[in-house]
């Protein structure tokens, strides 16, 4: 599973990082970023929760 953050939609609220800090971080520009290439199985549930909890739907799944 791969995710990306659409920087045009992200408002930098930090919800994704709060839910899944092993996958998301807030960068110097104040916006979220995915910090792993491929999301490990043990992190998928939290990553999906973060994606679904994003208030602007800025987190998108990348199809392999």
PDB file of N, CA and C in Angstrom:
ATOM      1  N   UNK A   1       0.849  -1.186   0.000  1.00  0.00           N
ATOM      2  CA  UNK A   1       0.000   0.000   0.000  1.00  0.00           C
ATOM      3  C   UNK A   1       0.887   1.238   0.000  1.00  0.00           C
ATOM      4  N   UNK A   2       0.546   2.177  -0.867  1.00  0.00           N
ATOM      5  CA  UNK A   2       1.272   3.441  -0.940  1.00  0.00           C
ATOM      6  C   UNK A   2       0.271   4.583  -0.844  1.00  0.00           C
ATOM      7  N   UNK A   3       0.660   5.622  -0.129  1.00  0.00           N
ATOM      8  CA  UNK A   3      -0.176   6.809   0.010  1.00  0.00           C
ATOM      9  C   UNK A   3       0.620   8.039  -0.381  1.00  0.00           C
ATOM     10  N   UNK A   4      -0.096   9.095  -0.736  1.00  0.00           N
ATOM     11  CA  UNK A   4       0.546  10.386  -0.974  1.00  0.00           C
ATOM     12  C   UNK A   4      -0.380  11.472  -0.427  1.00  0.00           C
ATOM     13  N   UNK A   5       0.209  12.621  -0.151  1.00  0.00           N
ATOM     14  CA  UNK A   5      -0.556  13.773   0.320  1.00  0.00           C
ATOM     15  C   UNK A   5      -0.657  14.772  -0.817  1.00  0.00           C
ATOM     16  N   UNK A   6      -1.878  15.154  -1.150  1.00  0.00           N
ATOM     17  CA  UNK A   6      -2.113  16.189  -2.149  1.00  0.00           C
ATOM     18  C   UNK A   6      -1.883  17.535  -1.454  1.00  0.00           C
ATOM     19  N   UNK A   7      -0.761  18.162  -1.753  1.00  0.00           N
ATOM     20  CA  UNK A   7      -0.374  19.413  -1.094  1.00  0.00           C
ATOM     21  C   UNK A   7      -1.352  20.559  -1.383  1.00  0.00           C
ATOM     22  N   UNK A   8      -2.098  20.453  -2.486  1.00  0.00           N
ATOM     23  CA  UNK A   8      -3.075  21.491  -2.813  1.00  0.00           C
ATOM     24  C   UNK A   8      -4.294  21.431  -1.890  1.00  0.00           C
ATOM     25  N   UNK A   9      -4.547  20.267  -1.305  1.00  0.00           N
ATOM     26  CA  UNK A   9      -5.691  20.100  -0.414  1.00  0.00           C
ATOM     27  C   UNK A   9      -5.312  20.127   1.064  1.00  0.00           C
ATOM     28  N   UNK A  10      -4.072  19.777   1.379  1.00  0.00           N
ATOM     29  CA  UNK A  10      -3.623  19.682   2.776  1.00  0.00           C
ATOM     30  C   UNK A  10      -3.651  21.056   3.453  1.00  0.00           C
ATOM     31  N   UNK A  11      -4.165  21.070   4.696  1.00  0.00           N
ATOM     32  CA  UNK A  11      -4.178  22.306   5.480  1.00  0.00           C
ATOM     33  C   UNK A  11      -3.213  22.235   6.661  1.00  0.00           C
ATOM     34  N   UNK A  12      -2.485  21.118   6.769  1.00  0.00           N
ATOM     35  CA  UNK A  12      -1.478  20.984   7.810  1.00  0.00           C
ATOM     36  C   UNK A  12      -2.032  20.883   9.214  1.00  0.00           C
ATOM     37  N   UNK A  13      -3.210  20.311   9.363  1.00  0.00           N
ATOM     38  CA  UNK A  13      -3.828  20.231  10.693  1.00  0.00           C
ATOM     39  C   UNK A  13      -3.120  19.240  11.608  1.00  0.00           C
ATOM     40  N   UNK A  14      -2.399  18.282  11.032  1.00  0.00           N
ATOM     41  CA  UNK A  14      -1.632  17.328  11.827  1.00  0.00           C
ATOM     42  C   UNK A  14      -2.403  16.104  12.282  1.00  0.00           C
ATOM     43  N   UNK A  15      -3.648  15.960  11.861  1.00  0.00           N
ATOM     44  CA  UNK A  15      -4.441  14.800  12.281  1.00  0.00           C
ATOM     45  C   UNK A  15      -3.791  13.498  11.826  1.00  0.00           C
ATOM     46  N   UNK A  16      -3.283  13.461  10.615  1.00  0.00           N
ATOM     47  CA  UNK A  16      -2.667  12.234  10.104  1.00  0.00           C
ATOM     48  C   UNK A  16      -1.435  11.851  10.926  1.00  0.00           C
ATOM     49  N   UNK A  17      -0.625  12.826  11.254  1.00  0.00           N
ATOM     50  CA  UNK A  17       0.573  12.567  12.047  1.00  0.00           C
ATOM     51  C   UNK A  17       0.196  12.106  13.450  1.00  0.00           C
ATOM     52  N   UNK A  18      -0.857  12.655  14.004  1.00  0.00           N
ATOM     53  CA  UNK A  18      -1.302  12.256  15.338  1.00  0.00           C
ATOM     54  C   UNK A  18      -1.785  10.808  15.346  1.00  0.00           C
ATOM     55  N   UNK A  19      -2.454  10.390  14.282  1.00  0.00           N
ATOM     56  CA  UNK A  19      -2.987   9.032  14.199  1.00  0.00           C
ATOM     57  C   UNK A  19      -1.906   8.026  13.813  1.00  0.00           C
ATOM     58  N   UNK A  20      -1.015   8.410  12.918  1.00  0.00           N
ATOM     59  CA  UNK A  20      -0.032   7.471  12.376  1.00  0.00           C
ATOM     60  C   UNK A  20       1.326   8.157  12.147  1.00  0.00           C
ATOM     61  N   UNK A  21       2.052   8.446  13.232  1.00  0.00           N
ATOM     62  CA  UNK A  21       3.321   9.168  13.108  1.00  0.00           C
ATOM     63  C   UNK A  21       4.439   8.387  12.418  1.00  0.00           C
ATOM     64  N   UNK A  22       4.278   7.076  12.273  1.00  0.00           N
ATOM     65  CA  UNK A  22       5.282   6.286  11.564  1.00  0.00           C
ATOM     66  C   UNK A  22       5.151   6.405  10.048  1.00  0.00           C
ATOM     67  N   UNK A  23       4.068   7.035   9.585  1.00  0.00           N
ATOM     68  CA  UNK A  23       3.839   7.181   8.146  1.00  0.00           C
ATOM     69  C   UNK A  23       3.791   8.650   7.724  1.00  0.00           C
ATOM     70  N   UNK A  24       3.274   9.512   8.594  1.00  0.00           N
ATOM     71  CA  UNK A  24       3.090  10.920   8.229  1.00  0.00           C
ATOM     72  C   UNK A  24       3.891  11.851   9.133  1.00  0.00           C
ATOM     73  N   UNK A  25       4.326  12.966   8.558  1.00  0.00           N
ATOM     74  CA  UNK A  25       4.944  14.032   9.339  1.00  0.00           C
ATOM     75  C   UNK A  25       4.557  15.373   8.733  1.00  0.00           C
ATOM     76  N   UNK A  26       4.605  16.400   9.557  1.00  0.00           N
ATOM     77  CA  UNK A  26       4.391  17.763   9.069  1.00  0.00           C
ATOM     78  C   UNK A  26       5.764  18.332   8.731  1.00  0.00           C
ATOM     79  N   UNK A  27       5.905  18.777   7.500  1.00  0.00           N
ATOM     80  CA  UNK A  27       7.187  19.291   7.028  1.00  0.00           C
ATOM     81  C   UNK A  27       7.355  20.769   7.359  1.00  0.00           C
ATOM     82  N   UNK A  28       8.505  21.307   7.018  1.00  0.00           N
ATOM     83  CA  UNK A  28       8.827  22.710   7.284  1.00  0.00           C
ATOM     84  C   UNK A  28       7.844  23.673   6.621  1.00  0.00           C
ATOM     85  N   UNK A  29       7.204  23.230   5.525  1.00  0.00           N
ATOM     86  CA  UNK A  29       6.230  24.090   4.852  1.00  0.00           C
ATOM     87  C   UNK A  29       4.870  24.082   5.555  1.00  0.00           C
ATOM     88  N   UNK A  30       4.759  23.302   6.648  1.00  0.00           N
ATOM     89  CA  UNK A  30       3.528  23.247   7.422  1.00  0.00           C
ATOM     90  C   UNK A  30       2.506  22.256   6.898  1.00  0.00           C
ATOM     91  N   UNK A  31       2.875  21.510   5.861  1.00  0.00           N
ATOM     92  CA  UNK A  31       1.961  20.545   5.262  1.00  0.00           C
ATOM     93  C   UNK A  31       2.436  19.123   5.529  1.00  0.00           C
ATOM     94  N   UNK A  32       1.509  18.188   5.478  1.00  0.00           N
ATOM     95  CA  UNK A  32       1.827  16.786   5.749  1.00  0.00           C
ATOM     96  C   UNK A  32       2.579  16.153   4.587  1.00  0.00           C
ATOM     97  N   UNK A  33       3.310  15.101   4.919  1.00  0.00           N
ATOM     98  CA  UNK A  33       4.046  14.336   3.930  1.00  0.00           C
ATOM     99  C   UNK A  33       4.084  12.878   4.373  1.00  0.00           C
ATOM    100  N   UNK A  34       4.066  11.963   3.407  1.00  0.00           N
ATOM    101  CA  UNK A  34       4.244  10.541   3.688  1.00  0.00           C
ATOM    102  C   UNK A  34       5.745  10.286   3.752  1.00  0.00           C
ATOM    103  N   UNK A  35       6.204   9.657   4.838  1.00  0.00           N
ATOM    104  CA  UNK A  35       7.644   9.494   5.055  1.00  0.00           C
ATOM    105  C   UNK A  35       8.146   8.080   4.791  1.00  0.00           C
ATOM    106  N   UNK A  36       7.278   7.200   4.286  1.00  0.00           N
ATOM    107  CA  UNK A  36       7.694   5.844   3.937  1.00  0.00           C
ATOM    108  C   UNK A  36       7.286   5.560   2.494  1.00  0.00           C
ATOM    109  N   UNK A  37       8.097   4.750   1.832  1.00  0.00           N
ATOM    110  CA  UNK A  37       7.814   4.395   0.439  1.00  0.00           C
ATOM    111  C   UNK A  37       6.616   3.444   0.352  1.00  0.00           C
ATOM    112  N   UNK A  38       6.667   2.397   1.137  1.00  0.00           N
ATOM    113  CA  UNK A  38       5.615   1.371   1.161  1.00  0.00           C
ATOM    114  C   UNK A  38       5.173   1.214   2.611  1.00  0.00           C
ATOM    115  N   UNK A  39       3.875   1.197   2.844  1.00  0.00           N
ATOM    116  CA  UNK A  39       3.353   1.102   4.206  1.00  0.00           C
ATOM    117  C   UNK A  39       3.312  -0.357   4.623  1.00  0.00           C
ATOM    118  N   UNK A  40       3.989  -0.655   5.724  1.00  0.00           N
ATOM    119  CA  UNK A  40       4.064  -2.014   6.238  1.00  0.00           C
ATOM    120  C   UNK A  40       2.691  -2.472   6.716  1.00  0.00           C
ATOM    121  N   UNK A  41       2.491  -3.778   6.671  1.00  0.00           N
ATOM    122  CA  UNK A  41       1.207  -4.361   7.054  1.00  0.00           C
ATOM    123  C   UNK A  41       0.770  -3.933   8.448  1.00  0.00           C
ATOM    124  N   UNK A  42       1.704  -3.874   9.391  1.00  0.00           N
ATOM    125  CA  UNK A  42       1.340  -3.529  10.765  1.00  0.00           C
ATOM    126  C   UNK A  42       0.921  -2.064  10.932  1.00  0.00           C
ATOM    127  N   UNK A  43       1.184  -1.232   9.926  1.00  0.00           N
ATOM    128  CA  UNK A  43       0.804   0.181   9.973  1.00  0.00           C
ATOM    129  C   UNK A  43      -0.407   0.507   9.101  1.00  0.00           C
ATOM    130  N   UNK A  44      -0.864  -0.448   8.307  1.00  0.00           N
ATOM    131  CA  UNK A  44      -1.941  -0.176   7.348  1.00  0.00           C
ATOM    132  C   UNK A  44      -3.221   0.306   8.015  1.00  0.00           C
ATOM    133  N   UNK A  45      -3.618  -0.328   9.116  1.00  0.00           N
ATOM    134  CA  UNK A  45      -4.869   0.068   9.766  1.00  0.00           C
ATOM    135  C   UNK A  45      -4.809   1.516  10.241  1.00  0.00           C
ATOM    136  N   UNK A  46      -3.702   1.899  10.875  1.00  0.00           N
ATOM    137  CA  UNK A  46      -3.554   3.283  11.332  1.00  0.00           C
ATOM    138  C   UNK A  46      -3.462   4.249  10.155  1.00  0.00           C
ATOM    139  N   UNK A  47      -2.775   3.841   9.094  1.00  0.00           N
ATOM    140  CA  UNK A  47      -2.647   4.700   7.918  1.00  0.00           C
ATOM    141  C   UNK A  47      -4.006   4.928   7.264  1.00  0.00           C
ATOM    142  N   UNK A  48      -4.813   3.891   7.199  1.00  0.00           N
ATOM    143  CA  UNK A  48      -6.158   4.025   6.627  1.00  0.00           C
ATOM    144  C   UNK A  48      -7.016   4.917   7.514  1.00  0.00           C
ATOM    145  N   UNK A  49      -6.886   4.757   8.843  1.00  0.00           N
ATOM    146  CA  UNK A  49      -7.619   5.634   9.764  1.00  0.00           C
ATOM    147  C   UNK A  49      -7.230   7.091   9.547  1.00  0.00           C
ATOM    148  N   UNK A  50      -5.936   7.341   9.339  1.00  0.00           N
ATOM    149  CA  UNK A  50      -5.460   8.704   9.098  1.00  0.00           C
ATOM    150  C   UNK A  50      -6.019   9.241   7.784  1.00  0.00           C
ATOM    151  N   UNK A  51      -6.013   8.402   6.752  1.00  0.00           N
ATOM    152  CA  UNK A  51      -6.548   8.799   5.437  1.00  0.00           C
ATOM    153  C   UNK A  51      -8.031   9.155   5.549  1.00  0.00           C
ATOM    154  N   UNK A  52      -8.778   8.289   6.210  1.00  0.00           N
ATOM    155  CA  UNK A  52     -10.224   8.512   6.347  1.00  0.00           C
ATOM    156  C   UNK A  52     -10.547   9.683   7.265  1.00  0.00           C
ATOM    157  N   UNK A  53      -9.636  10.000   8.191  1.00  0.00           N
ATOM    158  CA  UNK A  53      -9.866  11.088   9.133  1.00  0.00           C
ATOM    159  C   UNK A  53      -9.398  12.449   8.651  1.00  0.00           C
ATOM    160  N   UNK A  54      -8.757  12.488   7.493  1.00  0.00           N
ATOM    161  CA  UNK A  54      -8.264  13.758   6.963  1.00  0.00           C
ATOM    162  C   UNK A  54      -9.455  14.671   6.642  1.00  0.00           C
ATOM    163  N   UNK A  55      -9.507  15.864   7.236  1.00  0.00           N
ATOM    164  CA  UNK A  55     -10.671  16.729   7.043  1.00  0.00           C
ATOM    165  C   UNK A  55     -10.824  17.284   5.626  1.00  0.00           C
ATOM    166  N   UNK A  56      -9.747  17.251   4.841  1.00  0.00           N
ATOM    167  CA  UNK A  56      -9.836  17.775   3.477  1.00  0.00           C
ATOM    168  C   UNK A  56      -9.661  16.684   2.415  1.00  0.00           C
ATOM    169  N   UNK A  57      -9.609  15.423   2.859  1.00  0.00           N
ATOM    170  CA  UNK A  57      -9.396  14.301   1.934  1.00  0.00           C
ATOM    171  C   UNK A  57      -8.125  14.471   1.096  1.00  0.00           C
ATOM    172  N   UNK A  58      -7.084  14.975   1.731  1.00  0.00           N
ATOM    173  CA  UNK A  58      -5.829  15.232   1.021  1.00  0.00           C
ATOM    174  C   UNK A  58      -4.949  13.985   0.861  1.00  0.00           C
ATOM    175  N   UNK A  59      -5.267  12.922   1.577  1.00  0.00           N
ATOM    176  CA  UNK A  59      -4.456  11.708   1.509  1.00  0.00           C
ATOM    177  C   UNK A  59      -5.077  10.769   0.481  1.00  0.00           C
ATOM    178  N   UNK A  60      -4.251  10.368  -0.477  1.00  0.00           N
ATOM    179  CA  UNK A  60      -4.719   9.547  -1.584  1.00  0.00           C
ATOM    180  C   UNK A  60      -3.906   8.269  -1.655  1.00  0.00           C
ATOM    181  N   UNK A  61      -4.561   7.175  -2.013  1.00  0.00           N
ATOM    182  CA  UNK A  61      -3.863   5.919  -2.223  1.00  0.00           C
ATOM    183  C   UNK A  61      -3.327   5.894  -3.644  1.00  0.00           C
ATOM    184  N   UNK A  62      -2.106   5.430  -3.784  1.00  0.00           N
ATOM    185  CA  UNK A  62      -1.474   5.282  -5.096  1.00  0.00           C
ATOM    186  C   UNK A  62      -1.647   3.834  -5.533  1.00  0.00           C
ATOM    187  N   UNK A  63      -2.224   3.646  -6.700  1.00  0.00           N
ATOM    188  CA  UNK A  63      -2.395   2.295  -7.225  1.00  0.00           C
ATOM    189  C   UNK A  63      -1.061   1.773  -7.749  1.00  0.00           C
ATOM    190  N   UNK A  64      -0.776   0.528  -7.389  1.00  0.00           N
ATOM    191  CA  UNK A  64       0.492  -0.092  -7.844  1.00  0.00           C
ATOM    192  C   UNK A  64       0.375  -0.582  -9.252  1.00  0.00           C
TER     193      UNK A  64
END
